[in-house]
Amino acid sequence: MPLAYPDPELRSETVRIRKWAYDDLDCIRAAGTDPNIPKGTTVPAVYSEEEGRAFIERGACQPW
């Protein structure tokens, strides 16, 4: 069973845990340029806006 995001989001001065948002598309694009991140996550290795939006829409977390 996948874990749910906390509601309300958790935050401190240095850490924030929240759902991905469409404002994060640049971050998702940048994360895909690190060869290790797409290997262990569902971040798209070949970025397009469509792939970035799909990442957000599927909840960004897939049960393993």
N, C-alpha and C. Protein backbone atom coordinates (compact mmCIF):
# COMPACT_ATOMS: atom_id res chain seq x y z
N MET A 1 0.84 -1.17 0.00
CA MET A 1 0.00 0.00 0.00
C MET A 1 0.89 1.24 0.00
N PRO A 2 0.69 2.15 -0.97
CA PRO A 2 1.51 3.36 -1.00
C PRO A 2 1.18 4.30 0.16
N LEU A 3 2.17 5.04 0.58
CA LEU A 3 1.96 6.02 1.64
C LEU A 3 1.30 7.26 1.08
N ALA A 4 0.49 7.91 1.87
CA ALA A 4 -0.16 9.16 1.47
C ALA A 4 0.72 10.34 1.87
N TYR A 5 0.61 11.41 1.11
CA TYR A 5 1.30 12.64 1.49
C TYR A 5 0.63 13.21 2.73
N PRO A 6 1.39 13.85 3.61
CA PRO A 6 0.79 14.44 4.79
C PRO A 6 -0.12 15.61 4.41
N ASP A 7 -1.19 15.75 5.13
CA ASP A 7 -2.11 16.87 4.90
C ASP A 7 -2.49 17.41 6.26
N PRO A 8 -2.06 18.58 6.64
CA PRO A 8 -1.34 19.54 5.82
C PRO A 8 0.11 19.13 5.61
N GLU A 9 0.76 19.79 4.65
CA GLU A 9 2.17 19.45 4.35
C GLU A 9 3.04 19.66 5.57
N LEU A 10 4.11 18.91 5.63
CA LEU A 10 5.09 19.04 6.71
C LEU A 10 6.18 19.99 6.24
N ARG A 11 6.61 20.86 7.13
CA ARG A 11 7.69 21.76 6.76
C ARG A 11 8.47 22.20 7.99
N SER A 12 9.74 22.49 7.72
CA SER A 12 10.61 23.09 8.72
C SER A 12 11.36 24.20 8.00
N GLU A 13 12.41 24.71 8.62
CA GLU A 13 13.19 25.76 7.96
C GLU A 13 13.94 25.24 6.74
N THR A 14 14.23 23.94 6.69
CA THR A 14 15.03 23.40 5.60
C THR A 14 14.34 22.33 4.76
N VAL A 15 13.24 21.76 5.24
CA VAL A 15 12.60 20.65 4.55
C VAL A 15 11.11 20.93 4.40
N ARG A 16 10.59 20.54 3.24
CA ARG A 16 9.15 20.67 2.98
C ARG A 16 8.68 19.41 2.28
N ILE A 17 7.67 18.75 2.81
CA ILE A 17 7.12 17.55 2.19
C ILE A 17 5.72 17.88 1.70
N ARG A 18 5.55 17.82 0.39
CA ARG A 18 4.27 18.17 -0.22
C ARG A 18 4.13 17.43 -1.54
N LYS A 19 2.96 17.49 -2.12
CA LYS A 19 2.75 16.90 -3.43
C LYS A 19 3.45 17.73 -4.50
N TRP A 20 3.80 17.09 -5.60
CA TRP A 20 4.32 17.81 -6.75
C TRP A 20 3.23 18.70 -7.31
N ALA A 21 3.65 19.82 -7.92
CA ALA A 21 2.73 20.77 -8.54
C ALA A 21 3.26 21.13 -9.93
N TYR A 22 2.37 21.67 -10.77
CA TYR A 22 2.80 22.06 -12.11
C TYR A 22 3.89 23.12 -12.09
N ASP A 23 3.99 23.88 -11.01
CA ASP A 23 5.07 24.85 -10.87
C ASP A 23 6.43 24.16 -10.74
N ASP A 24 6.45 22.86 -10.52
CA ASP A 24 7.68 22.10 -10.34
C ASP A 24 8.24 21.52 -11.64
N LEU A 25 7.65 21.84 -12.78
CA LEU A 25 8.09 21.22 -14.04
C LEU A 25 9.58 21.46 -14.31
N ASP A 26 10.08 22.66 -14.02
CA ASP A 26 11.52 22.91 -14.23
C ASP A 26 12.38 22.02 -13.34
N CYS A 27 11.93 21.79 -12.12
CA CYS A 27 12.65 20.91 -11.20
C CYS A 27 12.65 19.47 -11.71
N ILE A 28 11.52 19.03 -12.24
CA ILE A 28 11.41 17.67 -12.77
C ILE A 28 12.32 17.52 -13.99
N ARG A 29 12.35 18.54 -14.86
CA ARG A 29 13.24 18.51 -16.02
C ARG A 29 14.70 18.41 -15.57
N ALA A 30 15.08 19.22 -14.59
CA ALA A 30 16.45 19.20 -14.10
C ALA A 30 16.79 17.86 -13.45
N ALA A 31 15.87 17.30 -12.70
CA ALA A 31 16.12 16.01 -12.04
C ALA A 31 16.38 14.91 -13.07
N GLY A 32 15.71 14.99 -14.21
CA GLY A 32 15.89 13.98 -15.25
C GLY A 32 17.26 14.02 -15.90
N THR A 33 18.00 15.11 -15.73
CA THR A 33 19.33 15.20 -16.33
C THR A 33 20.39 14.47 -15.49
N ASP A 34 20.06 14.15 -14.25
CA ASP A 34 20.96 13.35 -13.41
C ASP A 34 20.72 11.89 -13.78
N PRO A 35 21.71 11.18 -14.30
CA PRO A 35 21.46 9.83 -14.77
C PRO A 35 20.98 8.85 -13.70
N ASN A 36 21.23 9.14 -12.43
CA ASN A 36 20.81 8.22 -11.37
C ASN A 36 19.36 8.40 -10.94
N ILE A 37 18.82 9.60 -11.06
CA ILE A 37 17.45 9.84 -10.57
C ILE A 37 16.42 9.06 -11.38
N PRO A 38 16.43 9.09 -12.71
CA PRO A 38 15.43 8.30 -13.44
C PRO A 38 15.58 6.79 -13.26
N LYS A 39 16.77 6.34 -12.90
CA LYS A 39 16.98 4.90 -12.69
C LYS A 39 16.18 4.37 -11.50
N GLY A 40 16.04 5.18 -10.45
CA GLY A 40 15.39 4.71 -9.24
C GLY A 40 14.05 5.36 -8.95
N THR A 41 13.57 6.19 -9.89
CA THR A 41 12.29 6.88 -9.70
C THR A 41 11.51 6.85 -11.01
N THR A 42 10.37 7.52 -11.01
CA THR A 42 9.60 7.63 -12.25
C THR A 42 9.78 8.99 -12.91
N VAL A 43 10.81 9.75 -12.49
CA VAL A 43 11.15 11.01 -13.16
C VAL A 43 11.53 10.68 -14.60
N PRO A 44 10.95 11.40 -15.58
CA PRO A 44 11.26 11.08 -16.98
C PRO A 44 12.72 11.40 -17.33
N ALA A 45 13.42 10.43 -17.91
CA ALA A 45 14.81 10.64 -18.33
C ALA A 45 14.87 11.52 -19.56
N VAL A 46 13.87 11.42 -20.42
CA VAL A 46 13.77 12.28 -21.61
C VAL A 46 12.58 13.19 -21.35
N TYR A 47 12.88 14.45 -21.06
CA TYR A 47 11.84 15.36 -20.62
C TYR A 47 11.08 15.98 -21.78
N SER A 48 9.79 16.08 -21.59
CA SER A 48 8.91 16.93 -22.38
C SER A 48 7.88 17.45 -21.39
N GLU A 49 7.20 18.52 -21.72
CA GLU A 49 6.19 19.03 -20.79
C GLU A 49 5.12 17.97 -20.56
N GLU A 50 4.77 17.23 -21.60
CA GLU A 50 3.78 16.17 -21.47
C GLU A 50 4.23 15.11 -20.47
N GLU A 51 5.51 14.69 -20.58
CA GLU A 51 6.04 13.69 -19.64
C GLU A 51 6.12 14.24 -18.22
N GLY A 52 6.50 15.51 -18.08
CA GLY A 52 6.55 16.13 -16.75
C GLY A 52 5.18 16.19 -16.11
N ARG A 53 4.17 16.57 -16.90
CA ARG A 53 2.80 16.62 -16.39
C ARG A 53 2.29 15.22 -16.03
N ALA A 54 2.65 14.23 -16.84
CA ALA A 54 2.24 12.85 -16.55
C ALA A 54 2.85 12.39 -15.23
N PHE A 55 4.10 12.75 -14.98
CA PHE A 55 4.76 12.42 -13.71
C PHE A 55 3.96 12.98 -12.54
N ILE A 56 3.55 14.23 -12.63
CA ILE A 56 2.77 14.87 -11.56
C ILE A 56 1.41 14.21 -11.43
N GLU A 57 0.75 13.97 -12.54
CA GLU A 57 -0.62 13.45 -12.51
C GLU A 57 -0.72 12.03 -11.97
N ARG A 58 0.31 11.25 -12.12
CA ARG A 58 0.24 9.88 -11.57
C ARG A 58 0.64 9.86 -10.09
N GLY A 59 0.83 11.04 -9.53
CA GLY A 59 1.11 11.11 -8.10
C GLY A 59 2.58 11.05 -7.78
N ALA A 60 3.42 10.90 -8.79
CA ALA A 60 4.86 10.88 -8.65
C ALA A 60 5.40 9.72 -7.84
N CYS A 61 4.53 8.95 -7.23
CA CYS A 61 4.96 7.79 -6.44
C CYS A 61 4.23 6.55 -6.95
N GLN A 62 4.98 5.57 -7.28
CA GLN A 62 4.41 4.31 -7.72
C GLN A 62 4.72 3.27 -6.66
N PRO A 63 3.75 2.45 -6.31
CA PRO A 63 4.05 1.39 -5.34
C PRO A 63 5.06 0.41 -5.93
N TRP A 64 6.02 0.01 -5.13
CA TRP A 64 7.08 -0.88 -5.64
C TRP A 64 6.72 -2.27 -5.38
